[in-house]
PDB file of N, CA and C in Angstrom:
ATOM      1  N   MET A   1      74.253  53.183 122.334  1.00  0.00           N
ATOM      2  CA  MET A   1      73.798  53.582 121.019  1.00  0.00           C
ATOM      3  C   MET A   1      74.310  52.570 119.995  1.00  0.00           C
ATOM      4  N   LEU A   2      73.521  52.325 118.971  1.00  0.00           N
ATOM      5  CA  LEU A   2      73.888  51.367 117.928  1.00  0.00           C
ATOM      6  C   LEU A   2      74.143  52.089 116.616  1.00  0.00           C
ATOM      7  N   ASN A   3      75.098  51.569 115.833  1.00  0.00           N
ATOM      8  CA  ASN A   3      75.351  52.148 114.522  1.00  0.00           C
ATOM      9  C   ASN A   3      74.466  51.467 113.479  1.00  0.00           C
ATOM     10  N   LYS A   4      74.697  51.748 112.205  1.00  0.00           N
ATOM     11  CA  LYS A   4      73.868  51.206 111.125  1.00  0.00           C
ATOM     12  C   LYS A   4      73.961  49.692 111.021  1.00  0.00           C
ATOM     13  N   ARG A   5      75.089  49.116 111.459  1.00  0.00           N
ATOM     14  CA  ARG A   5      75.279  47.664 111.391  1.00  0.00           C
ATOM     15  C   ARG A   5      74.794  46.960 112.650  1.00  0.00           C
ATOM     16  N   GLY A   6      74.235  47.708 113.606  1.00  0.00           N
ATOM     17  CA  GLY A   6      73.729  47.108 114.826  1.00  0.00           C
ATOM     18  C   GLY A   6      74.772  46.900 115.905  1.00  0.00           C
ATOM     19  N   LYS A   7      75.976  47.450 115.712  1.00  0.00           N
ATOM     20  CA  LYS A   7      77.037  47.321 116.710  1.00  0.00           C
ATOM     21  C   LYS A   7      76.977  48.498 117.677  1.00  0.00           C
ATOM     22  N   SER A   8      77.399  48.253 118.899  1.00  0.00           N
ATOM     23  CA  SER A   8      77.445  49.299 119.911  1.00  0.00           C
ATOM     24  C   SER A   8      78.521  50.325 119.557  1.00  0.00           C
ATOM     25  N   VAL A   9      78.199  51.612 119.720  1.00  0.00           N
ATOM     26  CA  VAL A   9      79.122  52.688 119.383  1.00  0.00           C
ATOM     27  C   VAL A   9      79.335  53.558 120.621  1.00  0.00           C
ATOM     28  N   LEU A  10      80.602  53.852 120.922  1.00  0.00           N
ATOM     29  CA  LEU A  10      80.918  54.789 121.991  1.00  0.00           C
ATOM     30  C   LEU A  10      80.869  56.198 121.420  1.00  0.00           C
ATOM     31  N   ARG A  11      80.302  57.127 122.175  1.00  0.00           N
ATOM     32  CA  ARG A  11      80.237  58.517 121.757  1.00  0.00           C
ATOM     33  C   ARG A  11      81.154  59.362 122.626  1.00  0.00           C
ATOM     34  N   CYS A  12      81.777  60.352 122.025  1.00  0.00           N
ATOM     35  CA  CYS A  12      82.703  61.252 122.709  1.00  0.00           C
ATOM     36  C   CYS A  12      81.935  62.158 123.675  1.00  0.00           C
ATOM     37  N   ALA A  13      82.473  62.312 124.899  1.00  0.00           N
ATOM     38  CA  ALA A  13      81.854  63.193 125.893  1.00  0.00           C
ATOM     39  C   ALA A  13      82.027  64.663 125.508  1.00  0.00           C
ATOM     40  N   CYS A  14      83.031  64.984 124.715  1.00  0.00           N
ATOM     41  CA  CYS A  14      83.327  66.360 124.333  1.00  0.00           C
ATOM     42  C   CYS A  14      82.453  66.848 123.173  1.00  0.00           C
ATOM     43  N   CYS A  15      82.467  66.119 122.060  1.00  0.00           N
ATOM     44  CA  CYS A  15      81.781  66.595 120.850  1.00  0.00           C
ATOM     45  C   CYS A  15      80.667  65.679 120.364  1.00  0.00           C
ATOM     46  N   GLY A  16      80.543  64.474 120.952  1.00  0.00           N
ATOM     47  CA  GLY A  16      79.503  63.536 120.521  1.00  0.00           C
ATOM     48  C   GLY A  16      79.897  62.699 119.313  1.00  0.00           C
ATOM     49  N   GLY A  17      81.137  62.836 118.859  1.00  0.00           N
ATOM     50  CA  GLY A  17      81.618  62.063 117.708  1.00  0.00           C
ATOM     51  C   GLY A  17      81.825  60.599 118.062  1.00  0.00           C
ATOM     52  N   GLU A  18      82.041  59.792 117.051  1.00  0.00           N
ATOM     53  CA  GLU A  18      82.245  58.352 117.258  1.00  0.00           C
ATOM     54  C   GLU A  18      83.658  58.078 117.771  1.00  0.00           C
ATOM     55  N   MET A  19      83.747  57.249 118.812  1.00  0.00           N
ATOM     56  CA  MET A  19      85.032  56.831 119.367  1.00  0.00           C
ATOM     57  C   MET A  19      85.411  55.512 118.701  1.00  0.00           C
ATOM     58  N   VAL A  20      86.617  55.443 118.138  1.00  0.00           N
ATOM     59  CA  VAL A  20      87.079  54.222 117.476  1.00  0.00           C
ATOM     60  C   VAL A  20      88.225  53.605 118.274  1.00  0.00           C
ATOM     61  N   LEU A  21      88.344  52.300 118.191  1.00  0.00           N
ATOM     62  CA  LEU A  21      89.394  51.580 118.905  1.00  0.00           C
ATOM     63  C   LEU A  21      90.751  51.939 118.310  1.00  0.00           C
ATOM     64  N   LYS A  22      91.640  52.461 119.151  1.00  0.00           N
ATOM     65  CA  LYS A  22      92.979  52.836 118.711  1.00  0.00           C
ATOM     66  C   LYS A  22      93.967  51.718 118.991  1.00  0.00           C
ATOM     67  N   SER A  23      93.908  51.153 120.208  1.00  0.00           N
ATOM     68  CA  SER A  23      94.755  50.016 120.541  1.00  0.00           C
ATOM     69  C   SER A  23      94.095  49.198 121.636  1.00  0.00           C
ATOM     70  N   GLU A  24      94.388  47.912 121.610  1.00  0.00           N
ATOM     71  CA  GLU A  24      93.819  46.995 122.590  1.00  0.00           C
ATOM     72  C   GLU A  24      94.951  46.367 123.382  1.00  0.00           C
ATOM     73  N   LEU A  25      94.904  46.562 124.687  1.00  0.00           N
ATOM     74  CA  LEU A  25      95.912  46.037 125.587  1.00  0.00           C
ATOM     75  C   LEU A  25      95.342  44.840 126.341  1.00  0.00           C
ATOM     76  N   ARG A  26      96.169  44.219 127.147  1.00  0.00           N
ATOM     77  CA  ARG A  26      95.723  43.030 127.887  1.00  0.00           C
ATOM     78  C   ARG A  26      94.588  43.363 128.852  1.00  0.00           C
ATOM     79  N   VAL A  27      94.662  44.495 129.526  1.00  0.00           N
ATOM     80  CA  VAL A  27      93.681  44.837 130.557  1.00  0.00           C
ATOM     81  C   VAL A  27      92.815  46.045 130.210  1.00  0.00           C
ATOM     82  N   ALA A  28      93.063  46.689 129.077  1.00  0.00           N
ATOM     83  CA  ALA A  28      92.310  47.884 128.720  1.00  0.00           C
ATOM     84  C   ALA A  28      92.280  48.080 127.208  1.00  0.00           C
ATOM     85  N   ALA A  29      91.375  48.952 126.781  1.00  0.00           N
ATOM     86  CA  ALA A  29      91.282  49.326 125.371  1.00  0.00           C
ATOM     87  C   ALA A  29      91.314  50.848 125.290  1.00  0.00           C
ATOM     88  N   VAL A  30      92.059  51.393 124.336  1.00  0.00           N
ATOM     89  CA  VAL A  30      92.171  52.833 124.158  1.00  0.00           C
ATOM     90  C   VAL A  30      91.349  53.229 122.941  1.00  0.00           C
ATOM     91  N   TYR A  31      90.436  54.190 123.137  1.00  0.00           N
ATOM     92  CA  TYR A  31      89.567  54.688 122.076  1.00  0.00           C
ATOM     93  C   TYR A  31      89.912  56.137 121.784  1.00  0.00           C
ATOM     94  N   LYS A  32      89.770  56.549 120.526  1.00  0.00           N
ATOM     95  CA  LYS A  32      90.051  57.928 120.130  1.00  0.00           C
ATOM     96  C   LYS A  32      88.873  58.472 119.335  1.00  0.00           C
ATOM     97  N   CYS A  33      88.517  59.722 119.616  1.00  0.00           N
ATOM     98  CA  CYS A  33      87.412  60.377 118.912  1.00  0.00           C
ATOM     99  C   CYS A  33      87.861  60.808 117.528  1.00  0.00           C
ATOM    100  N   MET A  34      87.047  60.536 116.525  1.00  0.00           N
ATOM    101  CA  MET A  34      87.366  60.936 115.157  1.00  0.00           C
ATOM    102  C   MET A  34      87.086  62.418 114.926  1.00  0.00           C
ATOM    103  N   GLY A  35      86.289  63.039 115.806  1.00  0.00           N
ATOM    104  CA  GLY A  35      85.949  64.446 115.645  1.00  0.00           C
ATOM    105  C   GLY A  35      86.969  65.389 116.258  1.00  0.00           C
ATOM    106  N   CYS A  36      87.205  65.252 117.573  1.00  0.00           N
ATOM    107  CA  CYS A  36      88.056  66.209 118.278  1.00  0.00           C
ATOM    108  C   CYS A  36      89.404  65.639 118.719  1.00  0.00           C
ATOM    109  N   GLY A  37      89.608  64.319 118.627  1.00  0.00           N
ATOM    110  CA  GLY A  37      90.889  63.722 118.976  1.00  0.00           C
ATOM    111  C   GLY A  37      91.032  63.304 120.429  1.00  0.00           C
ATOM    112  N   LEU A  38      89.989  63.476 121.240  1.00  0.00           N
ATOM    113  CA  LEU A  38      90.023  63.077 122.634  1.00  0.00           C
ATOM    114  C   LEU A  38      90.234  61.570 122.746  1.00  0.00           C
ATOM    115  N   SER A  39      91.085  61.130 123.675  1.00  0.00           N
ATOM    116  CA  SER A  39      91.321  59.705 123.905  1.00  0.00           C
ATOM    117  C   SER A  39      90.687  59.274 125.218  1.00  0.00           C
ATOM    118  N   ASP A  40      90.254  58.027 125.291  1.00  0.00           N
ATOM    119  CA  ASP A  40      89.642  57.484 126.494  1.00  0.00           C
ATOM    120  C   ASP A  40      90.085  56.036 126.647  1.00  0.00           C
ATOM    121  N   THR A  41      90.250  55.595 127.885  1.00  0.00           N
ATOM    122  CA  THR A  41      90.646  54.228 128.180  1.00  0.00           C
ATOM    123  C   THR A  41      89.500  53.513 128.885  1.00  0.00           C
ATOM    124  N   LYS A  42      89.158  52.336 128.412  1.00  0.00           N
ATOM    125  CA  LYS A  42      88.118  51.513 129.026  1.00  0.00           C
ATOM    126  C   LYS A  42      88.776  50.233 129.539  1.00  0.00           C
ATOM    127  N   LEU A  43      88.588  49.951 130.825  1.00  0.00           N
ATOM    128  CA  LEU A  43      89.142  48.731 131.417  1.00  0.00           C
ATOM    129  C   LEU A  43      88.305  47.525 130.996  1.00  0.00           C
ATOM    130  N   LYS A  44      88.976  46.404 130.804  1.00  0.00           N
ATOM    131  CA  LYS A  44      88.291  45.143 130.504  1.00  0.00           C
ATOM    132  C   LYS A  44      88.038  44.438 131.822  1.00  0.00           C
ATOM    133  N   LEU A  45      86.800  44.299 132.179  1.00  0.00           N
ATOM    134  CA  LEU A  45      86.445  43.656 133.443  1.00  0.00           C
ATOM    135  C   LEU A  45      86.059  42.211 133.199  1.00  0.00           C
ATOM    136  N   GLU A  46      87.001  41.326 133.363  1.00  0.00           N
ATOM    137  CA  GLU A  46      86.745  39.896 133.157  1.00  0.00           C
ATOM    138  C   GLU A  46      87.228  39.118 134.333  1.00  0.00           C
TER     139      GLU A  46
END
């Protein structure tokens, strides 16, 4: 899904809210939902 600026947006599996980048690690990125507070980790596959 794309936001108004044309950037890819992650959506929360729980409430459908926007997931924002909370912290970026060497091998993963942690995202947090602005609606319900759920956190998710995405691995960087490089």
